[in-house]
């Protein structure tokens, strides 16, 4: 066990309550074998897959500031796919999804403030940079080991995984805490701090520009592709070439390199994965799961059941006829046609008020479920199809784009024909964007997609685009809610600061002013 004791002795740059980066010292004895690296990779680089989620009451956010708790539950409530779900009266001191996440849902100036005005800590920044620190050390040490044994295939695979994970983590950081990628201004728009060296540096970090961050992501993925070429693992919790190509196609889509999207997705249907035919779907079973033929890669836990709670968690008070969380928005549900089988496979109706709740993942009740997939850190084959179709449409290849979409719709509609090809290129692109919304809802895509649509150089969202989240007043006498109005997020052109999550205060304070956040606007209820 000496390698576990001597490598990755963590140098804390901050106190235990205020950490920015947890970097790993390279001034010690390193891991010496591929097996040593693999053990550290599993323990330090990947998101934790084991989480026990038992829901007996709506206070599911009590450990939201723990680094071992669910990751980014708030990512699901900022976009137009979700809205508040209220029924009955939950005590305001309870850590319900609505009470804890309403600052994110309503795009508050400080989103990490609960319903009572108390702040909690966003740990996602810390969790990701901690893993990046470990990966930087692993990449360095793997190169040292490889110099002695270049023919070790397992070592090559580990190096590919490390580069993939670092690229993926920076993509997530960039699209949560950075400004959206604008092709024309990427060299000046602010992203997130970039740290790729294994060395401990006595410096304060600042934001790198978007172009620099994305160039590093691309470089890491190219390295990953070299090391993982022709390889896909036997399980879905390790990284293979299909996951690399899927992420590459996403990055190229976000940076408007559409020809490269087509290059990396060429032949995607021959990678050993296939799209499920929902005409064969069994009601109340899992739609997506680890061994599914659609699943390419997954890690981490599933936060959706803890955010989108049923309105009866038992037959007894006080958790019967009670909802203080979120549901699928009316706007999203209205985007599905009646013959779209995803309405049944992707959603369930709440017990009392028959609200639509996301239900792609139904096995969360099993501890350490071997079929669990993440609601954020997952890749499915349909994304590659949708990425390819969107790129083809933007490039003007309407017929080819529509042929791709038909492949998906043939597996999603009861009559094998979801709709007719749109007449213009613009309406085709809009259709593909809506199809992406339907297919990938509640998998961590929608917020990121809306950001990139807003600044797309060919077909940007209009300046009149806005998201409206209804808010409610509670009447104790009648035990009922009435709509009080809406919180409104205007377009990026009008309200850019609120389209990115603020960097947490512990990182701001440690870096003594070199890191800053744009000022978010005050938001009031609108009629």
Protein backbone atom coordinates (compact mmCIF):
# COMPACT_ATOMS: atom_id res chain seq x y z
CA UNK A 1 0.00 0.00 0.00
CA UNK A 2 3.04 2.29 0.03
CA UNK A 3 2.05 3.80 -3.33
CA UNK A 4 -1.27 4.93 -1.92
CA UNK A 5 0.51 6.55 0.96
CA UNK A 6 3.26 8.23 -0.99
CA UNK A 7 1.45 9.44 -4.15
CA UNK A 8 -1.26 12.03 -4.10
CA UNK A 9 -0.38 13.45 -0.71
CA UNK A 10 -2.75 16.34 -0.99
CA UNK A 11 -1.46 19.88 -0.59
CA UNK A 12 -4.42 21.97 0.50
CA UNK A 13 -4.19 25.43 -0.94
CA UNK A 14 -6.95 26.63 1.34
CA UNK A 15 -8.39 25.82 4.71
CA UNK A 16 -10.82 22.90 4.97
CA UNK A 17 -13.80 25.21 4.61
CA UNK A 18 -12.42 27.36 1.77
CA UNK A 19 -10.67 25.29 -0.90
CA UNK A 20 -10.22 26.36 -4.49
CA UNK A 21 -7.98 23.73 -6.07
CA UNK A 22 -6.80 20.60 -4.32
CA UNK A 23 -3.54 19.94 -6.12
CA UNK A 24 -1.31 16.95 -5.71
CA UNK A 25 2.37 17.15 -4.85
CA UNK A 26 4.81 15.71 -7.36
CA UNK A 27 7.81 15.87 -5.01
CA UNK A 28 7.31 12.33 -3.73
CA UNK A 29 7.56 8.69 -4.80
CA UNK A 30 5.03 7.94 -7.51
CA UNK A 31 2.88 4.98 -8.39
CA UNK A 32 4.99 2.46 -10.17
CA UNK A 33 2.65 0.20 -12.18
CA UNK A 34 -0.41 0.40 -14.40
CA UNK A 35 -2.44 -1.35 -11.71
CA UNK A 36 -1.40 1.31 -9.20
CA UNK A 37 -2.61 4.02 -11.59
CA UNK A 38 -5.90 2.24 -12.19
CA UNK A 39 -6.70 2.12 -8.49
CA UNK A 40 -6.06 5.83 -8.10
CA UNK A 41 -8.01 6.58 -11.28
CA UNK A 42 -11.09 4.82 -9.91
CA UNK A 43 -10.84 6.45 -6.51
CA UNK A 44 -9.77 9.98 -7.43
CA UNK A 45 -10.64 10.79 -11.05
CA UNK A 46 -14.14 9.45 -11.68
CA UNK A 47 -17.31 10.74 -10.07
CA UNK A 48 -18.50 8.43 -7.30
CA UNK A 49 -21.08 5.87 -8.52
CA UNK A 50 -22.23 4.70 -5.09
CA UNK A 51 -25.01 6.64 -3.40
CA UNK A 52 -27.86 5.51 -1.18
CA UNK A 53 -31.02 7.48 -1.95
CA UNK A 54 -33.97 6.76 0.32
CA UNK A 55 -36.89 9.14 -0.10
CA UNK A 56 -39.46 9.10 2.71
CA UNK A 57 -40.11 12.84 2.90
CA UNK A 58 -39.54 15.84 0.61
CA UNK A 59 -36.49 17.14 2.51
CA UNK A 60 -34.01 15.60 0.05
CA UNK A 61 -31.54 18.51 -0.09
CA UNK A 62 -30.29 18.41 3.49
CA UNK A 63 -26.75 17.39 2.45
CA UNK A 64 -26.51 19.58 -0.62
CA UNK A 65 -23.20 21.12 0.54
CA UNK A 66 -21.54 17.76 1.09
CA UNK A 67 -18.93 16.72 -1.47
CA UNK A 68 -20.32 13.18 -1.35
CA UNK A 69 -23.90 14.26 -2.00
CA UNK A 70 -25.74 14.45 -5.32
CA UNK A 71 -23.98 16.49 -8.02
CA UNK A 72 -25.56 19.68 -9.40
CA UNK A 73 -29.23 18.95 -8.64
CA UNK A 74 -29.81 22.61 -9.54
CA UNK A 75 -28.72 22.11 -13.15
CA UNK A 76 -32.12 20.57 -13.89
CA UNK A 77 -34.20 23.50 -12.66
CA UNK A 78 -32.74 26.55 -14.45
CA UNK A 79 -34.06 25.90 -17.96
CA UNK A 80 -37.51 25.76 -19.53
CA UNK A 81 -38.01 22.01 -19.02
CA UNK A 82 -38.93 22.40 -15.33
CA UNK A 83 -41.29 24.39 -13.16
CA UNK A 84 -42.34 24.49 -9.51
CA UNK A 85 -44.50 21.63 -8.20
CA UNK A 86 -46.49 22.59 -5.11
CA UNK A 87 -49.21 20.79 -3.20
CA UNK A 88 -49.98 20.97 0.52
CA UNK A 89 -47.76 22.79 3.01
CA UNK A 90 -44.14 21.91 3.70
CA UNK A 91 -42.50 23.61 6.68
CA UNK A 92 -40.19 26.34 5.46
CA UNK A 93 -37.28 25.04 7.53
CA UNK A 94 -37.33 21.74 5.62
CA UNK A 95 -34.63 21.22 2.98
CA UNK A 96 -37.05 20.51 0.16
CA UNK A 97 -35.96 20.89 -3.47
CA UNK A 98 -38.20 23.93 -3.94
CA UNK A 99 -36.97 25.68 -0.80
CA UNK A 100 -33.28 24.96 -1.41
CA UNK A 101 -33.07 25.33 -5.20
CA UNK A 102 -35.48 28.20 -5.83
CA UNK A 103 -32.53 30.63 -6.04
CA UNK A 104 -31.28 28.70 -9.07
CA UNK A 105 -34.76 28.14 -10.45
CA UNK A 106 -35.55 31.84 -10.31
CA UNK A 107 -32.05 33.05 -11.32
CA UNK A 108 -31.48 34.99 -8.11
CA UNK A 109 -28.51 37.29 -7.53
CA UNK A 110 -27.11 34.71 -5.12
CA UNK A 111 -28.64 31.39 -6.15
CA UNK A 112 -27.21 29.48 -3.17
CA UNK A 113 -29.69 31.07 -0.77
CA UNK A 114 -32.63 29.05 0.51
CA UNK A 115 -36.24 30.12 1.06
CA UNK A 116 -35.36 31.51 4.52
CA UNK A 117 -32.48 33.60 3.23
CA UNK A 118 -29.70 31.33 4.51
CA UNK A 119 -26.75 30.57 2.25
CA UNK A 120 -25.46 27.11 1.46
CA UNK A 121 -22.25 26.15 -0.35
CA UNK A 122 -22.03 25.09 -3.98
CA UNK A 123 -19.46 22.27 -3.92
CA UNK A 124 -19.49 21.35 -7.61
CA UNK A 125 -16.61 23.71 -8.39
CA UNK A 126 -14.56 22.09 -5.64
CA UNK A 127 -15.48 18.53 -6.65
CA UNK A 128 -14.45 19.00 -10.25
CA UNK A 129 -11.20 20.86 -9.63
CA UNK A 130 -10.22 18.26 -7.06
CA UNK A 131 -10.53 15.59 -9.74
CA UNK A 132 -8.68 17.69 -12.28
CA UNK A 133 -5.81 17.98 -9.80
CA UNK A 134 -5.67 14.21 -9.47
CA UNK A 135 -5.85 13.75 -13.24
CA UNK A 136 -2.98 16.17 -13.82
CA UNK A 137 -0.81 14.08 -11.52
CA UNK A 138 -1.97 10.84 -13.13
CA UNK A 139 -1.20 12.08 -16.63
CA UNK A 140 2.29 13.06 -15.56
CA UNK A 141 3.03 9.80 -13.79
CA UNK A 142 1.55 7.71 -16.61
CA UNK A 143 4.03 9.29 -19.00
CA UNK A 144 6.86 8.29 -16.65
CA UNK A 145 5.66 4.67 -16.54
CA UNK A 146 5.05 4.59 -20.31
CA UNK A 147 8.66 5.56 -20.97
CA UNK A 148 9.64 2.22 -19.48
CA UNK A 149 6.89 0.12 -21.11
CA UNK A 150 5.38 1.63 -24.24
CA UNK A 151 3.65 -1.62 -25.26
CA UNK A 152 1.30 -1.71 -22.23
CA UNK A 153 -2.20 -1.51 -23.75
CA UNK A 154 -3.89 -1.09 -20.39
CA UNK A 155 -1.67 1.89 -19.63
CA UNK A 156 -2.64 3.41 -22.97
CA UNK A 157 -6.30 3.02 -22.07
CA UNK A 158 -5.77 4.68 -18.69
CA UNK A 159 -4.01 7.61 -20.32
CA UNK A 160 -6.91 7.96 -22.74
CA UNK A 161 -9.40 7.95 -19.88
CA UNK A 162 -7.44 10.63 -18.03
CA UNK A 163 -7.39 12.99 -21.00
CA UNK A 164 -11.08 12.34 -21.68
CA UNK A 165 -12.07 13.08 -18.09
CA UNK A 166 -10.04 16.27 -17.94
CA UNK A 167 -11.65 17.48 -21.16
CA UNK A 168 -15.12 16.55 -19.91
CA UNK A 169 -14.64 18.27 -16.56
CA UNK A 170 -13.48 21.48 -18.23
CA UNK A 171 -16.46 21.32 -20.58
CA UNK A 172 -18.78 21.11 -17.57
CA UNK A 173 -17.00 23.91 -15.70
CA UNK A 174 -17.04 26.10 -18.78
CA UNK A 175 -20.76 25.65 -19.41
CA UNK A 176 -21.75 26.10 -15.79
CA UNK A 177 -19.47 28.92 -14.61
CA UNK A 178 -18.17 30.44 -17.85
CA UNK A 179 -19.77 32.58 -20.52
CA UNK A 180 -21.26 30.83 -23.58
CA UNK A 181 -18.97 30.26 -26.53
CA UNK A 182 -19.37 32.96 -29.16
CA UNK A 183 -17.41 32.26 -32.30
CA UNK A 184 -16.64 35.93 -32.94
CA UNK A 185 -15.54 36.90 -29.43
CA UNK A 186 -14.20 33.65 -27.94
CA UNK A 187 -10.71 35.09 -27.58
CA UNK A 188 -11.95 37.76 -25.17
CA UNK A 189 -15.01 36.19 -23.51
CA UNK A 190 -14.31 34.91 -19.99
CA UNK A 191 -14.29 31.21 -19.26
CA UNK A 192 -12.90 29.36 -16.25
CA UNK A 193 -9.39 28.99 -14.81
CA UNK A 194 -7.30 26.44 -16.68
CA UNK A 195 -4.84 24.26 -14.76
CA UNK A 196 -3.21 21.36 -16.60
CA UNK A 197 0.18 21.11 -14.88
CA UNK A 198 0.87 18.57 -12.17
CA UNK A 199 3.11 21.10 -10.41
CA UNK A 200 2.04 23.00 -7.33
CA UNK A 201 2.21 26.69 -8.19
CA UNK A 202 2.14 29.55 -5.73
CA UNK A 203 -0.17 31.73 -7.79
CA UNK A 204 -3.70 33.05 -7.76
CA UNK A 205 -5.95 31.90 -10.55
CA UNK A 206 -8.04 33.97 -12.92
CA UNK A 207 -10.44 33.20 -15.73
CA UNK A 208 -8.97 32.08 -19.04
CA UNK A 209 -10.76 33.12 -22.20
CA UNK A 210 -13.18 30.76 -23.92
CA UNK A 211 -10.93 30.09 -26.89
CA UNK A 212 -8.08 28.96 -24.66
CA UNK A 213 -10.30 26.65 -22.62
CA UNK A 214 -11.92 25.02 -25.63
CA UNK A 215 -8.59 24.59 -27.43
CA UNK A 216 -7.34 22.68 -24.40
CA UNK A 217 -10.50 20.55 -24.35
CA UNK A 218 -10.00 19.71 -28.03
CA UNK A 219 -6.33 18.88 -27.48
CA UNK A 220 -7.14 16.57 -24.58
CA UNK A 221 -9.80 14.77 -26.61
CA UNK A 222 -7.41 14.31 -29.51
CA UNK A 223 -4.95 12.72 -27.09
CA UNK A 224 -7.72 10.55 -25.68
CA UNK A 225 -8.69 9.43 -29.19
CA UNK A 226 -5.10 8.44 -29.95
CA UNK A 227 -4.81 6.33 -26.82
CA UNK A 228 -8.27 4.74 -27.11
CA UNK A 229 -8.44 4.23 -30.86
CA UNK A 230 -10.39 1.05 -31.64
CA UNK A 231 -11.09 0.31 -27.96
CA UNK A 232 -14.39 0.12 -26.13
CA UNK A 233 -14.49 -1.36 -22.61
CA UNK A 234 -16.66 -4.31 -21.61
CA UNK A 235 -18.60 -2.18 -19.13
CA UNK A 236 -20.17 1.27 -19.39
CA UNK A 237 -18.41 2.87 -16.42
CA UNK A 238 -15.05 3.05 -18.18
CA UNK A 239 -14.16 5.17 -21.18
CA UNK A 240 -13.71 3.97 -24.75
CA UNK A 241 -13.41 5.53 -28.19
CA UNK A 242 -17.20 5.89 -28.58
CA UNK A 243 -17.38 8.16 -25.52
CA UNK A 244 -14.49 10.22 -26.87
CA UNK A 245 -16.15 10.66 -30.26
CA UNK A 246 -19.46 11.56 -28.65
CA UNK A 247 -17.85 14.28 -26.55
CA UNK A 248 -15.80 15.48 -29.51
CA UNK A 249 -18.97 15.87 -31.57
CA UNK A 250 -20.53 17.87 -28.73
CA UNK A 251 -17.51 20.17 -28.44
CA UNK A 252 -17.41 20.77 -32.18
CA UNK A 253 -21.14 21.52 -32.17
CA UNK A 254 -20.71 24.04 -29.37
CA UNK A 255 -17.82 25.73 -31.17
CA UNK A 256 -19.58 25.67 -34.57
CA UNK A 257 -17.01 23.40 -36.23
CA UNK A 258 -19.71 21.49 -38.05
CA UNK A 259 -17.48 19.73 -40.56
CA UNK A 260 -15.59 18.17 -37.65
CA UNK A 261 -18.87 16.99 -36.10
CA UNK A 262 -19.45 15.00 -39.28
CA UNK A 263 -15.90 13.64 -39.25
CA UNK A 264 -16.02 12.23 -35.71
CA UNK A 265 -19.57 10.85 -36.04
CA UNK A 266 -18.98 9.16 -39.39
CA UNK A 267 -19.93 5.50 -38.91
CA UNK A 268 -21.26 6.06 -35.38
CA UNK A 269 -23.95 3.41 -35.92
CA UNK A 270 -21.25 0.75 -36.37
CA UNK A 271 -19.61 1.24 -32.96
CA UNK A 272 -21.53 -1.60 -31.30
CA UNK A 273 -24.43 0.44 -29.89
CA UNK A 274 -28.03 0.71 -31.13
CA UNK A 275 -31.16 2.78 -30.50
CA UNK A 276 -33.97 1.10 -28.56
CA UNK A 277 -37.31 0.65 -30.32
CA UNK A 278 -39.87 2.11 -27.90
CA UNK A 279 -42.64 0.13 -29.58
CA UNK A 280 -41.26 -2.73 -27.50
CA UNK A 281 -41.01 -0.72 -24.30
CA UNK A 282 -42.48 -2.40 -21.20
CA UNK A 283 -44.49 0.03 -19.07
CA UNK A 284 -42.94 1.07 -15.72
CA UNK A 285 -39.55 -0.39 -16.58
CA UNK A 286 -36.27 1.46 -16.97
CA UNK A 287 -35.90 3.36 -20.22
CA UNK A 288 -32.20 4.00 -19.77
CA UNK A 289 -29.83 1.83 -17.77
CA UNK A 290 -26.21 0.85 -17.73
CA UNK A 291 -26.41 -2.24 -19.95
CA UNK A 292 -28.76 -0.58 -22.44
CA UNK A 293 -27.66 -0.78 -26.07
CA UNK A 294 -27.90 3.04 -26.16
CA UNK A 295 -25.62 3.68 -23.17
CA UNK A 296 -22.04 4.53 -24.10
CA UNK A 297 -20.62 5.76 -20.80
CA UNK A 298 -21.88 6.80 -17.37
CA UNK A 299 -20.46 7.76 -13.99
CA UNK A 300 -21.82 9.42 -10.90
CA UNK A 301 -25.26 9.37 -9.34
CA UNK A 302 -28.79 10.28 -10.38
CA UNK A 303 -30.25 13.41 -8.77
CA UNK A 304 -33.56 13.52 -10.65
CA UNK A 305 -35.63 11.49 -8.13
CA UNK A 306 -34.50 13.84 -5.35
CA UNK A 307 -35.48 16.97 -7.29
CA UNK A 308 -38.69 15.88 -9.04
CA UNK A 309 -40.54 14.28 -6.13
CA UNK A 310 -43.91 12.58 -6.23
CA UNK A 311 -46.78 14.32 -4.45
CA UNK A 312 -47.36 11.32 -2.19
CA UNK A 313 -44.40 9.55 -0.63
CA UNK A 314 -46.62 7.40 1.59
CA UNK A 315 -50.29 6.98 2.41
CA UNK A 316 -49.87 8.79 5.73
CA UNK A 317 -49.56 12.43 6.70
CA UNK A 318 -47.46 14.55 6.50
CA UNK A 319 -46.05 13.19 3.22
CA UNK A 320 -49.34 12.38 1.52
CA UNK A 321 -50.67 15.03 -0.89
CA UNK A 322 -47.52 17.08 -0.41
CA UNK A 323 -45.18 18.47 -3.06
CA UNK A 324 -42.40 21.01 -2.57
CA UNK A 325 -40.20 20.37 -5.56
CA UNK A 326 -40.28 20.47 -9.32
CA UNK A 327 -42.06 18.83 -12.25
CA UNK A 328 -41.73 18.75 -16.01
CA UNK A 329 -42.91 22.06 -17.44
CA UNK A 330 -46.12 22.35 -19.41
CA UNK A 331 -44.08 23.83 -22.22
CA UNK A 332 -41.93 20.70 -22.47
CA UNK A 333 -44.85 18.26 -22.33
CA UNK A 334 -46.69 20.18 -25.03
CA UNK A 335 -43.70 19.60 -27.32
CA UNK A 336 -44.51 15.88 -27.49
CA UNK A 337 -47.16 14.69 -29.95
CA UNK A 338 -49.73 12.12 -28.84
CA UNK A 339 -48.11 9.29 -30.82
CA UNK A 340 -44.67 9.98 -29.36
CA UNK A 341 -43.86 6.93 -27.22
CA UNK A 342 -41.38 8.92 -25.15
CA UNK A 343 -44.27 10.45 -23.22
CA UNK A 344 -44.80 7.05 -21.61
CA UNK A 345 -41.18 5.92 -21.43
CA UNK A 346 -39.67 9.18 -20.17
CA UNK A 347 -42.33 10.33 -17.69
CA UNK A 348 -44.69 9.17 -15.00
CA UNK A 349 -47.74 10.87 -13.52
CA UNK A 350 -47.65 11.94 -9.89
CA UNK A 351 -49.94 10.04 -7.55
CA UNK A 352 -52.35 12.84 -6.62
CA UNK A 353 -52.33 15.74 -9.07
CA UNK A 354 -51.18 13.71 -12.10
CA UNK A 355 -48.31 16.07 -12.86
CA UNK A 356 -45.63 14.88 -15.29
CA UNK A 357 -42.42 13.84 -13.53
CA UNK A 358 -39.24 12.72 -15.33
CA UNK A 359 -38.83 8.94 -15.00
CA UNK A 360 -36.17 7.76 -17.42
CA UNK A 361 -34.44 6.11 -14.45
CA UNK A 362 -36.59 3.90 -12.23
CA UNK A 363 -34.02 1.80 -10.35
CA UNK A 364 -32.77 4.47 -7.96
CA UNK A 365 -34.40 2.69 -5.00
CA UNK A 366 -31.80 -0.08 -5.12
CA UNK A 367 -28.63 0.63 -3.12
CA UNK A 368 -25.52 0.53 -5.31
CA UNK A 369 -27.73 -0.48 -8.24
CA UNK A 370 -25.60 -2.17 -10.93
CA UNK A 371 -27.86 -0.67 -13.62
CA UNK A 372 -27.78 2.91 -12.31
CA UNK A 373 -26.90 5.67 -14.76
CA UNK A 374 -26.28 9.33 -14.03
CA UNK A 375 -28.71 12.07 -14.97
CA UNK A 376 -25.78 14.32 -15.97
CA UNK A 377 -22.55 12.38 -16.48
CA UNK A 378 -23.85 10.05 -19.20
CA UNK A 379 -23.53 9.60 -22.94
CA UNK A 380 -26.14 7.89 -25.13
CA UNK A 381 -26.04 6.98 -28.82
CA UNK A 382 -28.98 9.26 -29.79
CA UNK A 383 -26.86 12.30 -28.91
CA UNK A 384 -24.37 11.39 -31.63
CA UNK A 385 -27.24 11.12 -34.13
CA UNK A 386 -28.66 14.47 -33.06
CA UNK A 387 -25.25 16.16 -33.10
CA UNK A 388 -24.69 14.88 -36.63
CA UNK A 389 -28.15 15.90 -37.84
CA UNK A 390 -27.79 19.42 -36.47
CA UNK A 391 -24.38 19.85 -38.09
CA UNK A 392 -25.70 18.60 -41.43
CA UNK A 393 -28.65 20.99 -41.26
CA UNK A 394 -26.48 24.00 -40.38
CA UNK A 395 -24.23 23.12 -43.34
CA UNK A 396 -27.27 23.03 -45.63
CA UNK A 397 -27.49 19.26 -46.15
CA UNK A 398 -31.20 19.19 -45.33
CA UNK A 399 -31.97 15.80 -46.85
CA UNK A 400 -29.13 14.07 -45.01
CA UNK A 401 -30.10 15.73 -41.73
CA UNK A 402 -33.70 14.62 -42.13
CA UNK A 403 -32.60 11.05 -42.86
CA UNK A 404 -30.72 11.03 -39.55
CA UNK A 405 -33.74 12.33 -37.67
CA UNK A 406 -35.93 9.67 -39.27
CA UNK A 407 -33.66 6.97 -37.85
CA UNK A 408 -34.50 8.23 -34.36
CA UNK A 409 -38.17 8.87 -34.96
CA UNK A 410 -38.67 5.38 -36.34
CA UNK A 411 -37.74 4.12 -32.87
CA UNK A 412 -39.78 6.68 -30.94
CA UNK A 413 -43.21 6.86 -32.59
CA UNK A 414 -46.04 4.35 -32.63
CA UNK A 415 -46.61 4.68 -36.36
CA UNK A 416 -42.96 5.01 -37.45
CA UNK A 417 -43.56 8.46 -38.91
CA UNK A 418 -43.28 11.28 -36.46
CA UNK A 419 -43.63 14.22 -38.82
CA UNK A 420 -42.93 15.68 -42.25
CA UNK A 421 -39.64 17.28 -43.25
CA UNK A 422 -39.71 21.04 -42.59
CA UNK A 423 -39.82 23.19 -45.71
CA UNK A 424 -36.93 25.56 -44.97
CA UNK A 425 -33.45 25.22 -43.55
CA UNK A 426 -34.31 27.43 -40.57
CA UNK A 427 -37.40 25.40 -39.66
CA UNK A 428 -35.40 22.19 -40.03
CA UNK A 429 -32.75 23.44 -37.58
CA UNK A 430 -35.50 24.50 -35.17
CA UNK A 431 -37.12 21.05 -35.50
CA UNK A 432 -33.83 19.30 -34.72
CA UNK A 433 -33.30 21.53 -31.70
CA UNK A 434 -36.79 20.62 -30.46
CA UNK A 435 -36.17 16.94 -31.15
CA UNK A 436 -32.98 17.21 -29.11
CA UNK A 437 -34.98 18.78 -26.29
CA UNK A 438 -37.48 15.91 -26.33
CA UNK A 439 -34.93 13.12 -26.56
CA UNK A 440 -32.34 14.40 -24.07
CA UNK A 441 -34.59 16.07 -21.49
CA UNK A 442 -33.38 15.85 -17.88
CA UNK A 443 -29.95 14.53 -18.88
CA UNK A 444 -28.09 17.78 -18.27
CA UNK A 445 -28.24 19.14 -21.84
CA UNK A 446 -31.00 21.72 -22.04
CA UNK A 447 -29.38 24.61 -20.09
CA UNK A 448 -26.14 24.20 -22.03
CA UNK A 449 -28.01 23.99 -25.34
CA UNK A 450 -30.03 27.14 -24.70
CA UNK A 451 -26.82 29.04 -24.01
CA UNK A 452 -25.24 27.98 -27.30
CA UNK A 453 -28.42 28.55 -29.30
CA UNK A 454 -28.57 32.09 -27.94
CA UNK A 455 -25.19 33.01 -29.42
CA UNK A 456 -25.18 30.82 -32.53
CA UNK A 457 -23.72 32.77 -35.45
CA UNK A 458 -26.23 31.49 -38.05
CA UNK A 459 -29.53 30.96 -36.24
CA UNK A 460 -29.41 32.63 -32.81
CA UNK A 461 -32.39 32.70 -30.51
CA UNK A 462 -34.24 35.99 -30.86
CA UNK A 463 -33.70 38.81 -28.42
CA UNK A 464 -37.33 38.26 -27.39
CA UNK A 465 -36.58 34.73 -26.16
CA UNK A 466 -37.23 34.31 -22.44
CA UNK A 467 -37.87 31.60 -19.86
CA UNK A 468 -40.84 32.05 -17.54
CA UNK A 469 -41.11 30.10 -14.29
CA UNK A 470 -44.46 30.38 -12.49
CA UNK A 471 -44.44 31.15 -8.77
CA UNK A 472 -47.26 30.62 -6.27
CA UNK A 473 -48.84 32.01 -3.10
CA UNK A 474 -50.03 29.58 -0.44
CA UNK A 475 -53.35 30.02 1.37
CA UNK A 476 -53.33 28.17 4.70
CA UNK A 477 -57.07 28.31 5.20
CA UNK A 478 -57.86 26.47 1.98
CA UNK A 479 -54.53 24.60 1.87
CA UNK A 480 -54.15 25.63 -1.76
CA UNK A 481 -51.87 27.58 -4.08
CA UNK A 482 -52.65 30.36 -6.53
CA UNK A 483 -50.31 31.59 -9.21
CA UNK A 484 -48.70 34.86 -8.15
CA UNK A 485 -46.93 35.55 -11.43
CA UNK A 486 -43.64 34.57 -13.03
CA UNK A 487 -39.94 34.89 -12.60
CA UNK A 488 -38.53 35.72 -16.02
CA UNK A 489 -35.07 35.20 -17.48
CA UNK A 490 -34.58 37.38 -20.53
CA UNK A 491 -32.31 36.64 -23.45
CA UNK A 492 -28.53 36.55 -23.10
CA UNK A 493 -28.39 39.86 -24.95
CA UNK A 494 -30.41 41.44 -22.13
CA UNK A 495 -29.41 39.39 -19.09
CA UNK A 496 -26.09 37.68 -19.78
CA UNK A 497 -24.78 37.44 -16.20
CA UNK A 498 -27.73 35.29 -15.15
CA UNK A 499 -26.97 32.74 -17.87
CA UNK A 500 -23.92 31.50 -15.95
CA UNK A 501 -23.62 30.24 -12.39
CA UNK A 502 -21.50 32.42 -10.07
CA UNK A 503 -18.13 31.03 -9.05
CA UNK A 504 -18.48 30.12 -5.33
CA UNK A 505 -17.34 32.62 -2.72
CA UNK A 506 -14.64 30.32 -1.31
CA UNK A 507 -12.80 30.45 -4.66
CA UNK A 508 -13.31 34.20 -4.97
CA UNK A 509 -11.98 34.85 -1.48
CA UNK A 510 -8.94 32.62 -1.84
CA UNK A 511 -7.86 34.24 -5.09
CA UNK A 512 -8.05 37.74 -3.59
CA UNK A 513 -9.79 39.48 -6.42
CA UNK A 514 -8.18 37.76 -9.40
CA UNK A 515 -11.42 35.80 -9.91
CA UNK A 516 -14.62 37.77 -10.35
CA UNK A 517 -18.25 37.16 -11.27
CA UNK A 518 -20.46 39.30 -13.49
CA UNK A 519 -23.20 41.02 -11.48
CA UNK A 520 -26.56 39.31 -11.81
CA UNK A 521 -29.67 41.46 -12.00
CA UNK A 522 -32.33 41.71 -9.30
CA UNK A 523 -35.35 39.65 -10.28
CA UNK A 524 -38.90 40.47 -9.24
CA UNK A 525 -42.15 38.65 -9.86
CA UNK A 526 -43.80 39.69 -13.11
CA UNK A 527 -47.51 39.32 -13.93
